[in-house]
PDB file of N, CA and C in Angstrom:
ATOM      1  N   MET A   1       0.832  -1.182   0.000  1.00  0.00           N
ATOM      2  CA  MET A   1       0.000   0.000   0.000  1.00  0.00           C
ATOM      3  C   MET A   1       0.876   1.244   0.000  1.00  0.00           C
ATOM      4  N   ASN A   2       0.564   2.208  -0.862  1.00  0.00           N
ATOM      5  CA  ASN A   2       1.298   3.463  -0.911  1.00  0.00           C
ATOM      6  C   ASN A   2       0.873   4.359   0.237  1.00  0.00           C
ATOM      7  N   LYS A   3       1.843   4.911   0.897  1.00  0.00           N
ATOM      8  CA  LYS A   3       1.575   5.858   1.971  1.00  0.00           C
ATOM      9  C   LYS A   3       1.517   7.260   1.389  1.00  0.00           C
ATOM     10  N   HIS A   4       0.778   8.121   2.021  1.00  0.00           N
ATOM     11  CA  HIS A   4       0.714   9.527   1.638  1.00  0.00           C
ATOM     12  C   HIS A   4       1.672  10.276   2.555  1.00  0.00           C
ATOM     13  N   LYS A   5       2.683  10.890   1.945  1.00  0.00           N
ATOM     14  CA  LYS A   5       3.728  11.568   2.703  1.00  0.00           C
ATOM     15  C   LYS A   5       3.787  13.031   2.319  1.00  0.00           C
ATOM     16  N   GLY A   6       4.225  13.827   3.249  1.00  0.00           N
ATOM     17  CA  GLY A   6       4.397  15.245   2.979  1.00  0.00           C
ATOM     18  C   GLY A   6       5.054  15.943   4.140  1.00  0.00           C
ATOM     19  N   PHE A   7       5.254  17.230   3.959  1.00  0.00           N
ATOM     20  CA  PHE A   7       5.905  18.058   4.955  1.00  0.00           C
ATOM     21  C   PHE A   7       4.965  19.176   5.359  1.00  0.00           C
ATOM     22  N   VAL A   8       4.966  19.481   6.625  1.00  0.00           N
ATOM     23  CA  VAL A   8       4.179  20.599   7.132  1.00  0.00           C
ATOM     24  C   VAL A   8       5.144  21.548   7.835  1.00  0.00           C
ATOM     25  N   ALA A   9       5.229  22.763   7.300  1.00  0.00           N
ATOM     26  CA  ALA A   9       6.016  23.811   7.940  1.00  0.00           C
ATOM     27  C   ALA A   9       5.074  24.557   8.870  1.00  0.00           C
ATOM     28  N   VAL A  10       5.540  24.831  10.077  1.00  0.00           N
ATOM     29  CA  VAL A  10       4.665  25.369  11.127  1.00  0.00           C
ATOM     30  C   VAL A  10       5.277  26.621  11.746  1.00  0.00           C
ATOM     31  N   ASN A  11       4.461  27.648  11.869  1.00  0.00           N
ATOM     32  CA  ASN A  11       4.814  28.818  12.681  1.00  0.00           C
ATOM     33  C   ASN A  11       4.059  28.714  13.991  1.00  0.00           C
ATOM     34  N   VAL A  12       4.720  29.133  15.061  1.00  0.00           N
ATOM     35  CA  VAL A  12       4.088  29.091  16.379  1.00  0.00           C
ATOM     36  C   VAL A  12       4.228  30.444  17.069  1.00  0.00           C
ATOM     37  N   ALA A  13       3.382  30.660  18.044  1.00  0.00           N
ATOM     38  CA  ALA A  13       3.460  31.877  18.843  1.00  0.00           C
ATOM     39  C   ALA A  13       4.779  31.901  19.623  1.00  0.00           C
ATOM     40  N   THR A  14       5.233  33.085  19.914  1.00  0.00           N
ATOM     41  CA  THR A  14       6.476  33.253  20.664  1.00  0.00           C
ATOM     42  C   THR A  14       6.435  32.447  21.959  1.00  0.00           C
ATOM     43  N   GLY A  15       7.487  31.656  22.180  1.00  0.00           N
ATOM     44  CA  GLY A  15       7.602  30.870  23.397  1.00  0.00           C
ATOM     45  C   GLY A  15       6.904  29.522  23.364  1.00  0.00           C
ATOM     46  N   GLU A  16       6.237  29.176  22.262  1.00  0.00           N
ATOM     47  CA  GLU A  16       5.476  27.922  22.186  1.00  0.00           C
ATOM     48  C   GLU A  16       6.160  26.814  21.385  1.00  0.00           C
ATOM     49  N   ALA A  17       7.300  27.077  20.792  1.00  0.00           N
ATOM     50  CA  ALA A  17       7.926  26.113  19.882  1.00  0.00           C
ATOM     51  C   ALA A  17       8.186  24.756  20.538  1.00  0.00           C
ATOM     52  N   LEU A  18       8.765  24.739  21.709  1.00  0.00           N
ATOM     53  CA  LEU A  18       9.067  23.463  22.358  1.00  0.00           C
ATOM     54  C   LEU A  18       7.809  22.733  22.801  1.00  0.00           C
ATOM     55  N   ASN A  19       6.797  23.457  23.237  1.00  0.00           N
ATOM     56  CA  ASN A  19       5.533  22.813  23.614  1.00  0.00           C
ATOM     57  C   ASN A  19       4.885  22.134  22.402  1.00  0.00           C
ATOM     58  N   VAL A  20       4.834  22.849  21.280  1.00  0.00           N
ATOM     59  CA  VAL A  20       4.243  22.291  20.070  1.00  0.00           C
ATOM     60  C   VAL A  20       5.083  21.115  19.574  1.00  0.00           C
ATOM     61  N   TYR A  21       6.394  21.272  19.567  1.00  0.00           N
ATOM     62  CA  TYR A  21       7.316  20.201  19.171  1.00  0.00           C
ATOM     63  C   TYR A  21       7.068  18.942  20.008  1.00  0.00           C
ATOM     64  N   ASN A  22       7.049  19.085  21.312  1.00  0.00           N
ATOM     65  CA  ASN A  22       6.878  17.926  22.198  1.00  0.00           C
ATOM     66  C   ASN A  22       5.508  17.266  22.042  1.00  0.00           C
ATOM     67  N   TYR A  23       4.482  18.054  21.762  1.00  0.00           N
ATOM     68  CA  TYR A  23       3.153  17.486  21.553  1.00  0.00           C
ATOM     69  C   TYR A  23       3.087  16.719  20.232  1.00  0.00           C
ATOM     70  N   LEU A  24       3.533  17.346  19.159  1.00  0.00           N
ATOM     71  CA  LEU A  24       3.386  16.729  17.835  1.00  0.00           C
ATOM     72  C   LEU A  24       4.303  15.529  17.625  1.00  0.00           C
ATOM     73  N   LYS A  25       5.474  15.513  18.263  1.00  0.00           N
ATOM     74  CA  LYS A  25       6.390  14.386  18.044  1.00  0.00           C
ATOM     75  C   LYS A  25       5.811  13.068  18.556  1.00  0.00           C
ATOM     76  N   LYS A  26       4.826  13.114  19.414  1.00  0.00           N
ATOM     77  CA  LYS A  26       4.194  11.911  19.955  1.00  0.00           C
ATOM     78  C   LYS A  26       3.097  11.364  19.048  1.00  0.00           C
ATOM     79  N   ARG A  27       2.691  12.119  18.037  1.00  0.00           N
ATOM     80  CA  ARG A  27       1.616  11.696  17.143  1.00  0.00           C
ATOM     81  C   ARG A  27       2.124  10.614  16.195  1.00  0.00           C
ATOM     82  N   PRO A  28       1.350   9.548  15.980  1.00  0.00           N
ATOM     83  CA  PRO A  28       1.816   8.456  15.109  1.00  0.00           C
ATOM     84  C   PRO A  28       1.975   8.866  13.644  1.00  0.00           C
ATOM     85  N   GLU A  29       1.303   9.907  13.209  1.00  0.00           N
ATOM     86  CA  GLU A  29       1.423  10.375  11.826  1.00  0.00           C
ATOM     87  C   GLU A  29       2.753  11.075  11.561  1.00  0.00           C
ATOM     88  N   VAL A  30       3.408  11.537  12.618  1.00  0.00           N
ATOM     89  CA  VAL A  30       4.664  12.287  12.490  1.00  0.00           C
ATOM     90  C   VAL A  30       5.831  11.307  12.458  1.00  0.00           C
ATOM     91  N   THR A  31       6.514  11.259  11.304  1.00  0.00           N
ATOM     92  CA  THR A  31       7.664  10.362  11.184  1.00  0.00           C
ATOM     93  C   THR A  31       8.971  11.060  11.532  1.00  0.00           C
ATOM     94  N   SER A  32       9.005  12.380  11.356  1.00  0.00           N
ATOM     95  CA  SER A  32      10.159  13.193  11.751  1.00  0.00           C
ATOM     96  C   SER A  32       9.665  14.586  12.078  1.00  0.00           C
ATOM     97  N   ILE A  33      10.346  15.233  12.997  1.00  0.00           N
ATOM     98  CA  ILE A  33      10.005  16.616  13.344  1.00  0.00           C
ATOM     99  C   ILE A  33      11.299  17.344  13.683  1.00  0.00           C
ATOM    100  N   PHE A  34      11.394  18.582  13.194  1.00  0.00           N
ATOM    101  CA  PHE A  34      12.602  19.374  13.398  1.00  0.00           C
ATOM    102  C   PHE A  34      12.235  20.773  13.871  1.00  0.00           C
ATOM    103  N   LEU A  35      12.931  21.234  14.879  1.00  0.00           N
ATOM    104  CA  LEU A  35      12.880  22.626  15.303  1.00  0.00           C
ATOM    105  C   LEU A  35      13.906  23.329  14.422  1.00  0.00           C
ATOM    106  N   VAL A  36      13.488  24.344  13.664  1.00  0.00           N
ATOM    107  CA  VAL A  36      14.370  24.953  12.676  1.00  0.00           C
ATOM    108  C   VAL A  36      14.438  26.459  12.849  1.00  0.00           C
ATOM    109  N   ALA A  37      15.467  27.052  12.263  1.00  0.00           N
ATOM    110  CA  ALA A  37      15.605  28.503  12.213  1.00  0.00           C
ATOM    111  C   ALA A  37      15.212  28.954  10.812  1.00  0.00           C
ATOM    112  N   GLY A  38      14.655  30.136  10.726  1.00  0.00           N
ATOM    113  CA  GLY A  38      14.279  30.667   9.428  1.00  0.00           C
ATOM    114  C   GLY A  38      12.827  31.083   9.400  1.00  0.00           C
ATOM    115  N   MET A  39      12.211  30.958   8.228  1.00  0.00           N
ATOM    116  CA  MET A  39      10.844  31.428   8.027  1.00  0.00           C
ATOM    117  C   MET A  39       9.835  30.663   8.888  1.00  0.00           C
ATOM    118  N   TYR A  40      10.090  29.399   9.149  1.00  0.00           N
ATOM    119  CA  TYR A  40       9.188  28.564   9.958  1.00  0.00           C
ATOM    120  C   TYR A  40       9.905  28.140  11.228  1.00  0.00           C
ATOM    121  N   ASP A  41       9.126  27.693  12.201  1.00  0.00           N
ATOM    122  CA  ASP A  41       9.683  27.260  13.482  1.00  0.00           C
ATOM    123  C   ASP A  41       9.872  25.753  13.562  1.00  0.00           C
ATOM    124  N   LEU A  42       8.976  25.007  12.896  1.00  0.00           N
ATOM    125  CA  LEU A  42       9.034  23.547  12.889  1.00  0.00           C
ATOM    126  C   LEU A  42       8.806  23.042  11.473  1.00  0.00           C
ATOM    127  N   ILE A  43       9.446  21.941  11.136  1.00  0.00           N
ATOM    128  CA  ILE A  43       9.161  21.203   9.908  1.00  0.00           C
ATOM    129  C   ILE A  43       8.815  19.787  10.337  1.00  0.00           C
ATOM    130  N   ILE A  44       7.653  19.307   9.883  1.00  0.00           N
ATOM    131  CA  ILE A  44       7.175  17.979  10.263  1.00  0.00           C
ATOM    132  C   ILE A  44       7.050  17.120   9.019  1.00  0.00           C
ATOM    133  N   MET A  45       7.571  15.893   9.058  1.00  0.00           N
ATOM    134  CA  MET A  45       7.300  14.928   8.003  1.00  0.00           C
ATOM    135  C   MET A  45       6.135  14.080   8.483  1.00  0.00           C
ATOM    136  N   VAL A  46       5.105  14.000   7.645  1.00  0.00           N
ATOM    137  CA  VAL A  46       3.865  13.310   7.988  1.00  0.00           C
ATOM    138  C   VAL A  46       3.646  12.154   7.022  1.00  0.00           C
ATOM    139  N   GLU A  47       3.166  11.024   7.546  1.00  0.00           N
ATOM    140  CA  GLU A  47       2.856   9.862   6.723  1.00  0.00           C
ATOM    141  C   GLU A  47       1.537   9.261   7.196  1.00  0.00           C
ATOM    142  N   THR A  48       0.608   9.081   6.242  1.00  0.00           N
ATOM    143  CA  THR A  48      -0.691   8.491   6.560  1.00  0.00           C
ATOM    144  C   THR A  48      -1.074   7.485   5.480  1.00  0.00           C
ATOM    145  N   ASP A  49      -2.125   6.725   5.737  1.00  0.00           N
ATOM    146  CA  ASP A  49      -2.577   5.713   4.782  1.00  0.00           C
ATOM    147  C   ASP A  49      -3.387   6.295   3.630  1.00  0.00           C
ATOM    148  N   THR A  50      -4.078   7.405   3.851  1.00  0.00           N
ATOM    149  CA  THR A  50      -4.926   7.988   2.813  1.00  0.00           C
ATOM    150  C   THR A  50      -4.701   9.500   2.749  1.00  0.00           C
ATOM    151  N   SER A  51      -5.066  10.078   1.617  1.00  0.00           N
ATOM    152  CA  SER A  51      -4.964  11.534   1.506  1.00  0.00           C
ATOM    153  C   SER A  51      -5.951  12.213   2.450  1.00  0.00           C
ATOM    154  N   GLU A  52      -7.092  11.572   2.674  1.00  0.00           N
ATOM    155  CA  GLU A  52      -8.079  12.134   3.589  1.00  0.00           C
ATOM    156  C   GLU A  52      -7.551  12.180   5.021  1.00  0.00           C
ATOM    157  N   SER A  53      -6.879  11.116   5.441  1.00  0.00           N
ATOM    158  CA  SER A  53      -6.336  11.112   6.803  1.00  0.00           C
ATOM    159  C   SER A  53      -5.176  12.098   6.936  1.00  0.00           C
ATOM    160  N   PHE A  54      -4.443  12.316   5.835  1.00  0.00           N
ATOM    161  CA  PHE A  54      -3.385  13.329   5.844  1.00  0.00           C
ATOM    162  C   PHE A  54      -4.012  14.712   6.064  1.00  0.00           C
ATOM    163  N   ALA A  55      -5.042  15.010   5.269  1.00  0.00           N
ATOM    164  CA  ALA A  55      -5.717  16.306   5.388  1.00  0.00           C
ATOM    165  C   ALA A  55      -6.324  16.483   6.774  1.00  0.00           C
ATOM    166  N   ASP A  56      -6.964  15.437   7.283  1.00  0.00           N
ATOM    167  CA  ASP A  56      -7.567  15.509   8.618  1.00  0.00           C
ATOM    168  C   ASP A  56      -6.517  15.794   9.680  1.00  0.00           C
ATOM    169  N   PHE A  57      -5.361  15.146   9.564  1.00  0.00           N
ATOM    170  CA  PHE A  57      -4.303  15.368  10.547  1.00  0.00           C
ATOM    171  C   PHE A  57      -3.844  16.823  10.531  1.00  0.00           C
ATOM    172  N   VAL A  58      -3.621  17.368   9.350  1.00  0.00           N
ATOM    173  CA  VAL A  58      -3.158  18.753   9.265  1.00  0.00           C
ATOM    174  C   VAL A  58      -4.215  19.715   9.800  1.00  0.00           C
ATOM    175  N   VAL A  59      -5.451  19.554   9.347  1.00  0.00           N
ATOM    176  CA  VAL A  59      -6.511  20.505   9.695  1.00  0.00           C
ATOM    177  C   VAL A  59      -7.030  20.317  11.117  1.00  0.00           C
ATOM    178  N   GLN A  60      -7.203  19.068  11.542  1.00  0.00           N
ATOM    179  CA  GLN A  60      -7.810  18.801  12.847  1.00  0.00           C
ATOM    180  C   GLN A  60      -6.798  18.703  13.987  1.00  0.00           C
ATOM    181  N   GLU A  61      -5.570  18.374  13.671  1.00  0.00           N
ATOM    182  CA  GLU A  61      -4.566  18.215  14.735  1.00  0.00           C
ATOM    183  C   GLU A  61      -3.537  19.343  14.726  1.00  0.00           C
ATOM    184  N   VAL A  62      -2.781  19.453  13.646  1.00  0.00           N
ATOM    185  CA  VAL A  62      -1.687  20.429  13.631  1.00  0.00           C
ATOM    186  C   VAL A  62      -2.228  21.849  13.767  1.00  0.00           C
ATOM    187  N   GLN A  63      -3.167  22.221  12.895  1.00  0.00           N
ATOM    188  CA  GLN A  63      -3.647  23.601  12.901  1.00  0.00           C
ATOM    189  C   GLN A  63      -4.393  23.964  14.181  1.00  0.00           C
ATOM    190  N   LYS A  64      -4.936  22.982  14.872  1.00  0.00           N
ATOM    191  CA  LYS A  64      -5.666  23.255  16.116  1.00  0.00           C
ATOM    192  C   LYS A  64      -4.800  23.105  17.367  1.00  0.00           C
ATOM    193  N   THR A  65      -3.528  22.779  17.184  1.00  0.00           N
ATOM    194  CA  THR A  65      -2.631  22.655  18.331  1.00  0.00           C
ATOM    195  C   THR A  65      -2.407  24.030  18.956  1.00  0.00           C
ATOM    196  N   LYS A  66      -2.538  24.100  20.269  1.00  0.00           N
ATOM    197  CA  LYS A  66      -2.343  25.367  20.982  1.00  0.00           C
ATOM    198  C   LYS A  66      -0.954  25.915  20.661  1.00  0.00           C
ATOM    199  N   GLY A  67      -0.920  27.155  20.214  1.00  0.00           N
ATOM    200  CA  GLY A  67       0.345  27.811  19.898  1.00  0.00           C
ATOM    201  C   GLY A  67       0.642  27.881  18.408  1.00  0.00           C
ATOM    202  N   VAL A  68       0.014  27.039  17.597  1.00  0.00           N
ATOM    203  CA  VAL A  68       0.245  27.069  16.152  1.00  0.00           C
ATOM    204  C   VAL A  68      -0.487  28.270  15.560  1.00  0.00           C
ATOM    205  N   THR A  69       0.236  29.066  14.767  1.00  0.00           N
ATOM    206  CA  THR A  69      -0.356  30.258  14.166  1.00  0.00           C
ATOM    207  C   THR A  69      -0.501  30.155  12.653  1.00  0.00           C
ATOM    208  N   HIS A  70       0.291  29.311  11.996  1.00  0.00           N
ATOM    209  CA  HIS A  70       0.260  29.218  10.536  1.00  0.00           C
ATOM    210  C   HIS A  70       0.925  27.905  10.116  1.00  0.00           C
ATOM    211  N   THR A  71       0.403  27.300   9.046  1.00  0.00           N
ATOM    212  CA  THR A  71       1.049  26.119   8.472  1.00  0.00           C
ATOM    213  C   THR A  71       1.143  26.256   6.966  1.00  0.00           C
ATOM    214  N   MET A  72       2.102  25.535   6.392  1.00  0.00           N
ATOM    215  CA  MET A  72       2.215  25.394   4.950  1.00  0.00           C
ATOM    216  C   MET A  72       2.495  23.913   4.684  1.00  0.00           C
ATOM    217  N   THR A  73       1.657  23.299   3.880  1.00  0.00           N
ATOM    218  CA  THR A  73       1.772  21.868   3.621  1.00  0.00           C
ATOM    219  C   THR A  73       2.302  21.616   2.224  1.00  0.00           C
ATOM    220  N   CYS A  74       3.257  20.699   2.100  1.00  0.00           N
ATOM    221  CA  CYS A  74       3.813  20.286   0.814  1.00  0.00           C
ATOM    222  C   CYS A  74       3.684  18.769   0.719  1.00  0.00           C
ATOM    223  N   MET A  75       2.839  18.303  -0.179  1.00  0.00           N
ATOM    224  CA  MET A  75       2.671  16.857  -0.382  1.00  0.00           C
ATOM    225  C   MET A  75       3.855  16.326  -1.174  1.00  0.00           C
ATOM    226  N   ALA A  76       4.367  15.174  -0.775  1.00  0.00           N
ATOM    227  CA  ALA A  76       5.457  14.530  -1.503  1.00  0.00           C
ATOM    228  C   ALA A  76       4.893  13.848  -2.742  1.00  0.00           C
ATOM    229  N   LEU A  77       5.502  14.085  -3.892  1.00  0.00           N
ATOM    230  CA  LEU A  77       5.066  13.469  -5.132  1.00  0.00           C
ATOM    231  C   LEU A  77       5.876  12.218  -5.471  1.00  0.00           C
ATOM    232  N   ARG A  78       7.152  12.222  -5.074  1.00  0.00           N
ATOM    233  CA  ARG A  78       8.026  11.089  -5.321  1.00  0.00           C
ATOM    234  C   ARG A  78       9.178  11.165  -4.353  1.00  0.00           C
ATOM    235  N   GLY A  79       9.677  10.039  -3.917  1.00  0.00           N
ATOM    236  CA  GLY A  79      10.830  10.027  -3.010  1.00  0.00           C
ATOM    237  C   GLY A  79      10.874   8.749  -2.193  1.00  0.00           C
ATOM    238  N   ASP A  80      11.899   8.612  -1.392  1.00  0.00           N
ATOM    239  CA  ASP A  80      12.093   7.433  -0.550  1.00  0.00           C
ATOM    240  C   ASP A  80      11.613   7.690   0.847  1.00  0.00           C
TER     241      ASP A  80
END
């Protein structure tokens, strides 16, 4: 079965980066998570069984996480 993979770049409110990082890293959909410097605060690699579950995770979990102010999602088209 093909997995649906992608990256979610996340901006968070000042002082919330570690809280959001620690919460999201425990989610089974998150295969990797990085605290980064630059335009975004976190980059998350997400993997789900369906495109619908990918969308649900981003909209219902990531975007509703306390402290998250903005996300940008990039679906993977090809890769390992």
